[in-house]
Amino acid sequence: RKNLVKVAVDKNFSMQSSALHDTIEADLEAGFQPLCVIATIGTTGSTAVDPIRQIGKICSKNNIWLHVDAAYAGTAMVLPEMRHFADGLELADSYVFNPHKWMFTNFDCSAYFVRDPQMLIRTFEILPEYLKTRTRGQVNDYRDWGVALGRRFRALKLWFVIRNFGVEGIRQKVRLHLELAQWLASEIRQSADFELLAPVDFSLVCFRYLPSGITDEASINEINEQLLQTLNAGGKLYMTHTKLNGKYTLRMVIAQTYVEKHHVENAWKLIRETAGKI
C-alpha cells in the first residue's frame, strides 16, 4: 500500500489533473519512479469521470503507463452523444469495460484493449517445452495475454447479445436507462426530503433521505442506513450504498435489461413511503 498514491479529487469526485502533476513531481524529487496512473470513466462509488485528455498528456510527458477503467460506464460509449466522456482515450495505454455490468451479458465478460500487445505478452508469457507449437508467432496465443493459460469462450456470450438486440437495440436500451436516471434525479431535486449527492451522468443515482428538523450528520447517516436495510429486506427493490464526503449514500442503478419507467416510478414511491415511516 505504501507504493499506492491517491490523487485528490474535485467536488464532483473527479481526479484533479493539477494534483496528479504535483504528485508525480513530488515522487520524482523523492527518487521514486511512477509506474502507472489509473484514470476512470465512471467510478464505482459515484460514476465520476476523470479528465482523460489532461491526465493522458501528463502521463505521456512523464512516460507513465495510463490505464483507463470504464468497467461500468464504458457501455454508454455505444451512444455517440456520450463519447465526450472518453475524450482523450487515444492517449491511454490500456482500457477496459465490462459488458456484464451494463451491456446485458451474463457474468463474467470483460473487454480489454491494449495499445501495445507485445508489452502485455512479454509480461505474461512463459514457454516451457510442452507449450511450444509450430504456429507460434503466426496466431494470437491468448494464454500469453493473462495469468491463466486457459480461458472460457466469454466473447460468445457478448456475440449472442449483439446478435439478439443489434447495436441499435442496445443503444435504445441504454438511452432509456439514461432517461430514467434523469427522471429520478429530477424527482429527487424537487423533493424537500431527499438530496442528490453526486452528478448523474449515467444510470446511477446517488442520493440520501434528508428528513426535516435533523441536522446531525451521524443521525442522518443512521436513518439512511436503516432506510436501505428496510427497503432491501422488503424484497421489492435492491439498492447498495457508499459514503461520499462522509455521507451515507443510497445508490440506485437503472441498468437492468428489461427495466421500464413504471419500475422506477414504483421504486421511487416505495422509497418515499418507507422513508416516511422511519
Protein backbone atom coordinates (compact mmCIF):
# COMPACT_ATOMS: atom_id res chain seq x y z
CA ARG A 1 0.00 0.00 0.00
CA LYS A 2 2.90 2.39 0.61
CA ASN A 3 3.54 2.38 -3.15
CA LEU A 4 -0.05 3.32 -3.96
CA VAL A 5 -0.55 7.07 -4.18
CA LYS A 6 -4.04 8.56 -4.08
CA VAL A 7 -4.66 11.75 -6.03
CA ALA A 8 -7.01 14.50 -4.85
CA VAL A 9 -10.43 14.85 -6.48
CA ASP A 10 -12.71 17.82 -7.04
CA LYS A 11 -16.24 18.46 -5.76
CA ASN A 12 -17.61 16.05 -8.37
CA PHE A 13 -15.16 13.31 -7.27
CA SER A 14 -13.10 13.60 -10.48
CA MET A 15 -9.33 13.41 -10.35
CA GLN A 16 -7.64 16.81 -10.36
CA SER A 17 -5.04 16.82 -13.13
CA SER A 18 -3.09 19.56 -11.35
CA ALA A 19 -2.90 17.37 -8.24
CA LEU A 20 -1.70 14.46 -10.38
CA HIS A 21 1.04 16.65 -11.85
CA ASP A 22 2.17 17.79 -8.41
CA THR A 23 2.10 14.25 -7.04
CA ILE A 24 4.27 12.96 -9.88
CA GLU A 25 6.74 15.80 -9.41
CA ALA A 26 6.94 15.09 -5.68
CA ASP A 27 7.61 11.40 -6.32
CA LEU A 28 10.36 12.15 -8.84
CA GLU A 29 12.02 14.60 -6.48
CA ALA A 30 11.91 11.94 -3.75
CA GLY A 31 13.65 9.43 -6.03
CA PHE A 32 10.59 7.38 -6.90
CA GLN A 33 9.57 6.46 -10.45
CA PRO A 34 5.80 6.47 -11.02
CA LEU A 35 4.83 3.34 -12.93
CA CYS A 36 1.16 3.68 -13.82
CA VAL A 37 -1.75 6.07 -13.49
CA ILE A 38 -5.27 4.66 -13.33
CA ALA A 39 -8.00 7.01 -14.50
CA THR A 40 -11.68 6.23 -14.52
CA ILE A 41 -14.69 6.87 -16.71
CA GLY A 42 -17.46 6.25 -14.22
CA THR A 43 -16.03 5.46 -10.78
CA THR A 44 -17.66 2.65 -8.82
CA GLY A 45 -18.97 4.79 -5.99
CA SER A 46 -20.43 7.75 -7.85
CA THR A 47 -19.65 7.27 -11.59
CA ALA A 48 -17.35 10.28 -11.58
CA VAL A 49 -15.37 10.88 -14.77
CA ASP A 50 -11.71 11.83 -14.72
CA PRO A 51 -10.32 14.32 -17.28
CA ILE A 52 -8.75 11.69 -19.53
CA ARG A 53 -7.10 14.04 -22.02
CA GLN A 54 -5.39 16.15 -19.36
CA ILE A 55 -4.25 13.05 -17.49
CA GLY A 56 -3.08 11.45 -20.73
CA LYS A 57 -0.87 14.43 -21.60
CA ILE A 58 0.73 14.33 -18.16
CA CYS A 59 1.40 10.59 -18.47
CA SER A 60 2.83 10.94 -21.99
CA LYS A 61 5.16 13.70 -20.85
CA ASN A 62 6.44 11.57 -17.96
CA ASN A 63 6.46 8.23 -19.80
CA ILE A 64 3.94 6.69 -17.40
CA TRP A 65 1.52 3.94 -18.37
CA LEU A 66 -2.08 5.19 -18.42
CA HIS A 67 -4.82 2.65 -17.77
CA VAL A 68 -8.43 3.80 -18.12
CA ASP A 69 -11.10 1.90 -16.22
CA ALA A 70 -14.61 2.21 -17.67
CA ALA A 71 -15.87 -1.09 -16.26
CA TYR A 72 -19.46 0.06 -15.85
CA ALA A 73 -19.86 3.30 -17.79
CA GLY A 74 -17.97 2.09 -20.86
CA THR A 75 -21.21 0.69 -22.24
CA ALA A 76 -22.55 4.23 -22.59
CA MET A 77 -19.91 4.84 -25.26
CA VAL A 78 -22.13 2.95 -27.73
CA LEU A 79 -24.04 6.24 -27.88
CA PRO A 80 -22.35 8.94 -29.98
CA GLU A 81 -23.74 11.64 -27.68
CA MET A 82 -21.95 10.07 -24.68
CA ARG A 83 -18.49 9.71 -26.19
CA HIS A 84 -17.34 13.11 -24.99
CA PHE A 85 -16.78 11.40 -21.63
CA ALA A 86 -13.99 9.43 -23.30
CA ASP A 87 -12.27 12.47 -24.80
CA GLY A 88 -8.55 11.77 -24.85
CA LEU A 89 -8.89 7.99 -24.69
CA GLU A 90 -6.47 7.68 -27.60
CA LEU A 91 -3.73 8.67 -25.13
CA ALA A 92 -4.35 5.62 -22.96
CA ASP A 93 -2.10 2.56 -22.98
CA SER A 94 -4.87 0.22 -21.87
CA TYR A 95 -8.62 0.38 -21.43
CA VAL A 96 -11.25 -1.94 -20.01
CA PHE A 97 -15.03 -2.12 -19.80
CA ASN A 98 -17.30 -4.93 -18.62
CA PRO A 99 -20.26 -5.91 -20.83
CA HIS A 100 -21.55 -7.94 -17.89
CA LYS A 101 -22.19 -4.72 -15.99
CA TRP A 102 -24.44 -2.79 -18.37
CA MET A 103 -24.43 -4.49 -21.76
CA PHE A 104 -26.86 -7.26 -20.79
CA THR A 105 -24.23 -10.01 -20.82
CA ASN A 106 -24.07 -12.71 -18.16
CA PHE A 107 -21.16 -12.61 -15.72
CA ASP A 108 -18.30 -12.60 -16.44
CA CYS A 109 -17.30 -10.76 -19.58
CA SER A 110 -14.68 -8.01 -19.79
CA ALA A 111 -13.37 -6.25 -22.87
CA TYR A 112 -9.71 -5.27 -22.54
CA PHE A 113 -7.88 -3.09 -25.04
CA VAL A 114 -4.14 -2.53 -25.08
CA ARG A 115 -2.13 -0.20 -27.30
CA ASP A 116 0.96 -2.41 -27.50
CA PRO A 117 0.09 -6.12 -27.20
CA GLN A 118 3.75 -7.08 -27.12
CA MET A 119 4.24 -5.36 -23.77
CA LEU A 120 1.37 -7.39 -22.37
CA ILE A 121 2.68 -10.61 -23.87
CA ARG A 122 6.21 -10.07 -22.54
CA THR A 123 4.72 -9.62 -19.08
CA PHE A 124 2.77 -12.88 -19.01
CA GLU A 125 4.33 -15.29 -21.50
CA ILE A 126 6.01 -18.48 -20.40
CA LEU A 127 7.29 -21.03 -22.88
CA PRO A 128 8.12 -24.44 -21.41
CA GLU A 129 8.75 -27.21 -23.92
CA TYR A 130 5.24 -28.65 -23.69
CA LEU A 131 3.67 -25.33 -24.74
CA LYS A 132 5.73 -24.86 -27.89
CA THR A 133 3.77 -25.11 -31.13
CA ARG A 134 4.51 -24.81 -34.83
CA THR A 135 2.06 -21.90 -35.06
CA ARG A 136 3.97 -19.81 -32.55
CA GLY A 137 4.07 -16.22 -33.86
CA GLN A 138 1.52 -16.92 -36.59
CA VAL A 139 -1.60 -16.72 -34.40
CA ASN A 140 -2.51 -14.95 -31.17
CA ASP A 141 -1.67 -17.23 -28.23
CA TYR A 142 -4.08 -15.74 -25.76
CA ARG A 143 -2.56 -17.80 -22.97
CA ASP A 144 0.19 -15.17 -23.08
CA TRP A 145 -2.29 -12.31 -22.59
CA GLY A 146 -3.09 -13.01 -18.93
CA VAL A 147 -2.25 -15.07 -15.88
CA ALA A 148 -4.28 -18.18 -16.74
CA LEU A 149 -3.18 -20.49 -19.56
CA GLY A 150 -6.76 -21.45 -20.39
CA ARG A 151 -9.85 -19.32 -20.75
CA ARG A 152 -13.55 -19.76 -21.41
CA PHE A 153 -15.22 -18.53 -24.60
CA ARG A 154 -16.54 -15.36 -22.96
CA ALA A 155 -16.80 -13.50 -26.24
CA LEU A 156 -19.54 -15.89 -27.38
CA LYS A 157 -21.93 -14.53 -24.74
CA LEU A 158 -21.37 -10.97 -25.95
CA TRP A 159 -21.79 -12.07 -29.56
CA PHE A 160 -25.20 -13.52 -28.71
CA VAL A 161 -26.26 -10.26 -27.04
CA ILE A 162 -25.23 -8.19 -30.05
CA ARG A 163 -26.82 -10.72 -32.38
CA ASN A 164 -30.07 -10.65 -30.41
CA PHE A 165 -30.54 -6.92 -29.80
CA GLY A 166 -28.36 -5.47 -32.53
CA VAL A 167 -26.25 -2.38 -31.95
CA GLU A 168 -29.26 -0.09 -32.36
CA GLY A 169 -31.27 -2.20 -29.93
CA ILE A 170 -28.54 -1.88 -27.33
CA ARG A 171 -28.43 1.87 -27.90
CA GLN A 172 -32.17 2.16 -27.37
CA LYS A 173 -31.98 0.37 -24.03
CA VAL A 174 -29.01 2.42 -22.81
CA ARG A 175 -30.74 5.66 -23.82
CA LEU A 176 -33.83 4.59 -21.90
CA HIS A 177 -31.75 3.90 -18.81
CA LEU A 178 -30.17 7.33 -19.04
CA GLU A 179 -33.57 8.97 -19.43
CA LEU A 180 -34.97 7.08 -16.43
CA ALA A 181 -31.99 8.08 -14.30
CA GLN A 182 -32.54 11.72 -15.23
CA TRP A 183 -36.24 11.39 -14.40
CA LEU A 184 -35.40 10.03 -10.94
CA ALA A 185 -32.77 12.71 -10.40
CA SER A 186 -35.35 15.37 -11.27
CA GLU A 187 -37.83 13.88 -8.78
CA ILE A 188 -35.18 13.94 -6.06
CA ARG A 189 -34.26 17.56 -6.81
CA GLN A 190 -37.90 18.56 -6.44
CA SER A 191 -38.30 16.71 -3.14
CA ALA A 192 -37.76 18.64 0.07
CA ASP A 193 -36.82 15.46 1.93
CA PHE A 194 -34.23 13.99 -0.41
CA GLU A 195 -30.88 15.19 -1.72
CA LEU A 196 -28.68 14.28 -4.69
CA LEU A 197 -25.09 13.67 -3.62
CA ALA A 198 -23.31 13.32 -6.97
CA PRO A 199 -23.80 14.31 -10.61
CA VAL A 200 -26.00 11.91 -12.59
CA ASP A 201 -24.03 11.37 -15.78
CA PHE A 202 -25.01 7.77 -16.42
CA SER A 203 -27.66 5.47 -14.95
CA LEU A 204 -26.53 5.52 -11.32
CA VAL A 205 -28.30 7.92 -8.96
CA CYS A 206 -26.59 8.74 -5.65
CA PHE A 207 -28.88 10.33 -3.08
CA ARG A 208 -29.98 10.31 0.53
CA TYR A 209 -33.02 10.90 2.69
CA LEU A 210 -32.78 14.25 4.44
CA PRO A 211 -35.62 14.47 6.98
CA SER A 212 -36.57 17.95 8.09
CA GLY A 213 -35.51 19.00 11.55
CA ILE A 214 -32.46 16.72 11.69
CA THR A 215 -29.08 18.33 11.05
CA ASP A 216 -26.71 15.95 12.82
CA GLU A 217 -24.79 14.07 10.11
CA ALA A 218 -24.32 10.95 12.24
CA SER A 219 -28.07 10.71 12.81
CA ILE A 220 -28.81 11.28 9.13
CA ASN A 221 -26.37 8.52 8.24
CA GLU A 222 -28.06 6.13 10.65
CA ILE A 223 -31.51 6.95 9.25
CA ASN A 224 -30.33 6.31 5.68
CA GLU A 225 -28.70 3.04 6.65
CA GLN A 226 -31.96 1.98 8.29
CA LEU A 227 -33.89 3.05 5.20
CA LEU A 228 -31.66 0.99 2.92
CA GLN A 229 -31.88 -2.11 5.09
CA THR A 230 -35.67 -1.82 5.33
CA LEU A 231 -36.08 -1.40 1.57
CA ASN A 232 -33.79 -4.30 0.73
CA ALA A 233 -35.44 -6.57 3.29
CA GLY A 234 -38.81 -5.91 1.66
CA GLY A 235 -37.75 -7.73 -1.49
CA LYS A 236 -39.36 -5.30 -3.96
CA LEU A 237 -36.16 -3.45 -4.85
CA TYR A 238 -32.48 -3.70 -4.06
CA MET A 239 -30.02 -0.86 -3.66
CA THR A 240 -26.49 -0.52 -2.39
CA HIS A 241 -24.67 2.27 -0.61
CA THR A 242 -21.40 4.11 -0.42
CA LYS A 243 -20.09 7.09 1.53
CA LEU A 244 -19.42 10.38 -0.24
CA ASN A 245 -17.74 13.06 1.85
CA GLY A 246 -18.71 11.06 4.92
CA LYS A 247 -22.39 10.98 3.95
CA TYR A 248 -24.18 7.62 3.84
CA THR A 249 -25.27 7.48 0.22
CA LEU A 250 -28.01 5.39 -1.35
CA ARG A 251 -27.13 4.09 -4.80
CA MET A 252 -29.86 3.20 -7.27
CA VAL A 253 -28.71 1.87 -10.61
CA ILE A 254 -31.14 1.71 -13.52
CA ALA A 255 -29.48 -0.67 -15.96
CA GLN A 256 -31.44 -3.90 -15.96
CA THR A 257 -32.14 -5.40 -19.36
CA TYR A 258 -35.93 -5.05 -19.31
CA VAL A 259 -36.46 -2.21 -16.83
CA GLU A 260 -39.26 0.22 -17.71
CA LYS A 261 -40.38 3.56 -16.36
CA HIS A 262 -43.12 2.10 -14.18
CA HIS A 263 -40.47 0.09 -12.31
CA VAL A 264 -38.58 3.26 -11.45
CA GLU A 265 -41.78 5.11 -10.55
CA ASN A 266 -42.83 2.30 -8.21
CA ALA A 267 -39.38 2.19 -6.66
CA TRP A 268 -39.39 5.94 -6.02
CA LYS A 269 -42.87 5.73 -4.48
CA LEU A 270 -41.76 2.89 -2.21
CA ILE A 271 -38.63 4.78 -1.15
CA ARG A 272 -40.66 7.83 -0.14
CA GLU A 273 -43.31 5.79 1.65
CA THR A 274 -40.71 3.78 3.57
CA ALA A 275 -38.73 6.90 4.48
CA GLY A 276 -41.87 8.50 5.87
CA LYS A 277 -42.33 5.62 8.30
CA ILE A 278 -38.83 5.82 9.78
